[in-house]
Amino acid sequence: MPKTAHYFLDITSAVCPLTFVKTKLRIEAMAVGQVLEVRLRDGEPLENVPRSLIELGHRILMLEPEATAPGIFRLWVEKCG
């Protein structure tokens, strides 16, 4: 799975629903097939952002915790048509 992405977005300082709004705006500006890496917090963002991206038809490539920051995760999502 990818460790590199076309774009990077850190939403760890945002609160719901802004976490998804910021992610959606970034992915809408991307081309189909491009990958976005999102840095997000545990809790609501971790539950809502991946689910909402799947509902919009995008593909989650990988989701993993950050080794050096407890409660922080990295999500890689591919924009689908």
N, C-alpha and C. Protein backbone atom coordinates (compact mmCIF):
# COMPACT_ATOMS: atom_id res chain seq x y z
N MET A 1 0.84 -1.20 0.00
CA MET A 1 0.00 0.00 0.00
C MET A 1 0.88 1.25 0.00
N PRO A 2 0.30 2.38 -0.42
CA PRO A 2 1.12 3.58 -0.61
C PRO A 2 1.61 4.19 0.69
N LYS A 3 2.83 4.66 0.64
CA LYS A 3 3.36 5.49 1.73
C LYS A 3 3.56 6.90 1.22
N THR A 4 3.25 7.10 -0.06
CA THR A 4 3.34 8.44 -0.64
C THR A 4 1.97 8.79 -1.22
N ALA A 5 1.73 10.08 -1.33
CA ALA A 5 0.44 10.53 -1.85
C ALA A 5 0.67 11.79 -2.69
N HIS A 6 -0.31 12.11 -3.52
CA HIS A 6 -0.24 13.32 -4.32
C HIS A 6 -0.47 14.56 -3.45
N TYR A 7 -1.31 14.41 -2.42
CA TYR A 7 -1.66 15.52 -1.54
C TYR A 7 -1.66 15.05 -0.10
N PHE A 8 -1.43 16.01 0.82
CA PHE A 8 -1.43 15.74 2.25
C PHE A 8 -2.33 16.76 2.93
N LEU A 9 -3.13 16.29 3.89
CA LEU A 9 -4.03 17.16 4.64
C LEU A 9 -3.97 16.78 6.11
N ASP A 10 -3.68 17.75 6.97
CA ASP A 10 -3.65 17.52 8.41
C ASP A 10 -4.89 18.16 9.02
N ILE A 11 -5.81 17.31 9.52
CA ILE A 11 -7.05 17.82 10.11
C ILE A 11 -7.08 17.55 11.62
N THR A 12 -5.93 17.36 12.22
CA THR A 12 -5.89 17.04 13.65
C THR A 12 -6.36 18.21 14.52
N SER A 13 -6.29 19.43 14.02
CA SER A 13 -6.74 20.57 14.83
C SER A 13 -8.20 20.94 14.56
N ALA A 14 -8.83 20.29 13.60
CA ALA A 14 -10.23 20.58 13.25
C ALA A 14 -11.17 19.70 14.06
N VAL A 15 -12.41 20.16 14.21
CA VAL A 15 -13.44 19.38 14.90
C VAL A 15 -14.55 19.03 13.90
N CYS A 16 -15.27 17.96 14.19
CA CYS A 16 -16.38 17.56 13.33
C CYS A 16 -17.45 18.64 13.35
N PRO A 17 -18.09 18.96 12.25
CA PRO A 17 -18.00 18.32 10.95
C PRO A 17 -16.92 18.90 10.05
N LEU A 18 -16.12 19.85 10.54
CA LEU A 18 -15.09 20.46 9.68
C LEU A 18 -14.05 19.47 9.22
N THR A 19 -13.84 18.39 9.98
CA THR A 19 -12.86 17.40 9.55
C THR A 19 -13.24 16.83 8.20
N PHE A 20 -14.50 16.47 8.04
CA PHE A 20 -14.94 15.92 6.76
C PHE A 20 -15.05 16.99 5.69
N VAL A 21 -15.52 18.18 6.05
CA VAL A 21 -15.67 19.27 5.07
C VAL A 21 -14.32 19.58 4.44
N LYS A 22 -13.28 19.72 5.26
CA LYS A 22 -11.94 20.01 4.73
C LYS A 22 -11.44 18.88 3.84
N THR A 23 -11.69 17.64 4.26
CA THR A 23 -11.26 16.49 3.46
C THR A 23 -12.01 16.45 2.14
N LYS A 24 -13.30 16.68 2.18
CA LYS A 24 -14.11 16.64 0.96
C LYS A 24 -13.68 17.73 -0.02
N LEU A 25 -13.43 18.93 0.47
CA LEU A 25 -12.99 20.02 -0.41
C LEU A 25 -11.66 19.69 -1.08
N ARG A 26 -10.74 19.09 -0.32
CA ARG A 26 -9.43 18.74 -0.88
C ARG A 26 -9.58 17.68 -1.95
N ILE A 27 -10.38 16.64 -1.68
CA ILE A 27 -10.51 15.53 -2.63
C ILE A 27 -11.28 15.98 -3.87
N GLU A 28 -12.21 16.91 -3.73
CA GLU A 28 -12.95 17.41 -4.89
C GLU A 28 -12.03 18.13 -5.87
N ALA A 29 -10.95 18.72 -5.37
CA ALA A 29 -10.01 19.46 -6.22
C ALA A 29 -8.98 18.56 -6.89
N MET A 30 -9.01 17.28 -6.57
CA MET A 30 -8.04 16.32 -7.11
C MET A 30 -8.57 15.65 -8.38
N ALA A 31 -7.68 15.05 -9.13
CA ALA A 31 -8.05 14.27 -10.31
C ALA A 31 -8.35 12.84 -9.89
N VAL A 32 -9.21 12.18 -10.65
CA VAL A 32 -9.52 10.78 -10.40
C VAL A 32 -8.23 9.97 -10.44
N GLY A 33 -8.06 9.09 -9.47
CA GLY A 33 -6.88 8.24 -9.40
C GLY A 33 -5.79 8.80 -8.50
N GLN A 34 -5.89 10.07 -8.14
CA GLN A 34 -4.89 10.64 -7.24
C GLN A 34 -5.16 10.21 -5.80
N VAL A 35 -4.10 10.24 -4.98
CA VAL A 35 -4.18 9.77 -3.60
C VAL A 35 -3.99 10.94 -2.65
N LEU A 36 -4.82 10.96 -1.63
CA LEU A 36 -4.75 11.96 -0.56
C LEU A 36 -4.37 11.25 0.74
N GLU A 37 -3.37 11.79 1.42
CA GLU A 37 -3.02 11.30 2.76
C GLU A 37 -3.60 12.27 3.76
N VAL A 38 -4.38 11.76 4.70
CA VAL A 38 -5.04 12.58 5.70
C VAL A 38 -4.51 12.19 7.08
N ARG A 39 -4.10 13.18 7.85
CA ARG A 39 -3.67 12.96 9.23
C ARG A 39 -4.84 13.38 10.12
N LEU A 40 -5.37 12.46 10.92
CA LEU A 40 -6.56 12.73 11.70
C LEU A 40 -6.48 12.11 13.09
N ARG A 41 -7.35 12.59 13.97
CA ARG A 41 -7.39 12.13 15.36
C ARG A 41 -8.34 10.94 15.51
N ASP A 42 -8.12 10.21 16.59
CA ASP A 42 -9.01 9.13 17.00
C ASP A 42 -10.36 9.75 17.40
N GLY A 43 -11.40 8.93 17.48
CA GLY A 43 -12.71 9.41 17.88
C GLY A 43 -13.58 9.70 16.67
N GLU A 44 -14.35 10.79 16.75
CA GLU A 44 -15.29 11.14 15.68
C GLU A 44 -14.63 11.26 14.30
N PRO A 45 -13.49 11.96 14.17
CA PRO A 45 -12.88 12.05 12.84
C PRO A 45 -12.52 10.67 12.27
N LEU A 46 -11.97 9.81 13.10
CA LEU A 46 -11.58 8.48 12.64
C LEU A 46 -12.79 7.64 12.25
N GLU A 47 -13.90 7.85 12.91
CA GLU A 47 -15.13 7.11 12.59
C GLU A 47 -15.81 7.69 11.35
N ASN A 48 -15.89 9.03 11.28
CA ASN A 48 -16.73 9.67 10.26
C ASN A 48 -16.05 9.91 8.92
N VAL A 49 -14.79 10.32 8.92
CA VAL A 49 -14.14 10.69 7.66
C VAL A 49 -14.02 9.49 6.71
N PRO A 50 -13.43 8.36 7.15
CA PRO A 50 -13.35 7.22 6.21
C PRO A 50 -14.72 6.74 5.72
N ARG A 51 -15.67 6.66 6.64
CA ARG A 51 -17.02 6.20 6.26
C ARG A 51 -17.65 7.12 5.23
N SER A 52 -17.54 8.42 5.45
CA SER A 52 -18.12 9.39 4.52
C SER A 52 -17.44 9.36 3.16
N LEU A 53 -16.13 9.15 3.14
CA LEU A 53 -15.42 9.05 1.85
C LEU A 53 -15.87 7.82 1.07
N ILE A 54 -16.06 6.71 1.77
CA ILE A 54 -16.56 5.48 1.12
C ILE A 54 -17.96 5.72 0.57
N GLU A 55 -18.80 6.40 1.34
CA GLU A 55 -20.17 6.69 0.89
C GLU A 55 -20.17 7.55 -0.38
N LEU A 56 -19.15 8.39 -0.55
CA LEU A 56 -19.04 9.22 -1.75
C LEU A 56 -18.43 8.46 -2.93
N GLY A 57 -18.01 7.21 -2.68
CA GLY A 57 -17.50 6.38 -3.76
C GLY A 57 -16.00 6.33 -3.89
N HIS A 58 -15.27 6.88 -2.92
CA HIS A 58 -13.82 6.86 -2.97
C HIS A 58 -13.30 5.59 -2.30
N ARG A 59 -12.03 5.28 -2.52
CA ARG A 59 -11.47 4.01 -2.04
C ARG A 59 -10.42 4.26 -0.95
N ILE A 60 -10.64 3.66 0.21
CA ILE A 60 -9.67 3.72 1.29
C ILE A 60 -8.57 2.72 0.97
N LEU A 61 -7.34 3.21 0.87
CA LEU A 61 -6.22 2.34 0.54
C LEU A 61 -5.56 1.79 1.80
N MET A 62 -5.47 2.62 2.83
CA MET A 62 -4.80 2.19 4.05
C MET A 62 -5.17 3.15 5.18
N LEU A 63 -5.21 2.61 6.38
CA LEU A 63 -5.44 3.40 7.59
C LEU A 63 -4.55 2.80 8.66
N GLU A 64 -3.69 3.64 9.26
CA GLU A 64 -2.80 3.11 10.29
C GLU A 64 -2.50 4.17 11.33
N PRO A 65 -2.23 3.73 12.57
CA PRO A 65 -1.86 4.69 13.61
C PRO A 65 -0.45 5.22 13.37
N GLU A 66 -0.25 6.46 13.78
CA GLU A 66 1.09 7.04 13.73
C GLU A 66 1.91 6.45 14.87
N ALA A 67 3.09 6.00 14.58
CA ALA A 67 3.92 5.34 15.59
C ALA A 67 4.38 6.30 16.68
N THR A 68 4.56 7.56 16.34
CA THR A 68 5.13 8.51 17.30
C THR A 68 4.11 9.43 17.96
N ALA A 69 2.83 9.31 17.60
CA ALA A 69 1.81 10.21 18.15
C ALA A 69 0.56 9.40 18.52
N PRO A 70 0.43 9.02 19.78
CA PRO A 70 -0.75 8.26 20.20
C PRO A 70 -2.05 9.01 19.89
N GLY A 71 -3.03 8.30 19.37
CA GLY A 71 -4.32 8.89 19.06
C GLY A 71 -4.39 9.60 17.72
N ILE A 72 -3.29 9.53 16.95
CA ILE A 72 -3.25 10.14 15.62
C ILE A 72 -3.11 9.03 14.58
N PHE A 73 -3.85 9.16 13.49
CA PHE A 73 -3.86 8.15 12.44
C PHE A 73 -3.54 8.78 11.10
N ARG A 74 -3.11 7.93 10.17
CA ARG A 74 -2.88 8.33 8.77
C ARG A 74 -3.82 7.52 7.90
N LEU A 75 -4.52 8.22 7.01
CA LEU A 75 -5.49 7.60 6.11
C LEU A 75 -5.07 7.94 4.69
N TRP A 76 -5.00 6.93 3.83
CA TRP A 76 -4.72 7.13 2.41
C TRP A 76 -5.99 6.79 1.65
N VAL A 77 -6.46 7.74 0.84
CA VAL A 77 -7.69 7.54 0.07
C VAL A 77 -7.45 7.90 -1.38
N GLU A 78 -7.98 7.06 -2.26
CA GLU A 78 -7.88 7.31 -3.70
C GLU A 78 -9.19 7.90 -4.19
N LYS A 79 -9.07 8.98 -4.95
CA LYS A 79 -10.28 9.58 -5.52
C LYS A 79 -10.77 8.71 -6.66
N CYS A 80 -12.03 8.34 -6.59
CA CYS A 80 -12.67 7.55 -7.65
C CYS A 80 -13.69 8.42 -8.37
N GLY A 81 -13.98 8.06 -9.60
CA GLY A 81 -14.87 8.83 -10.45
C GLY A 81 -16.25 8.89 -9.93
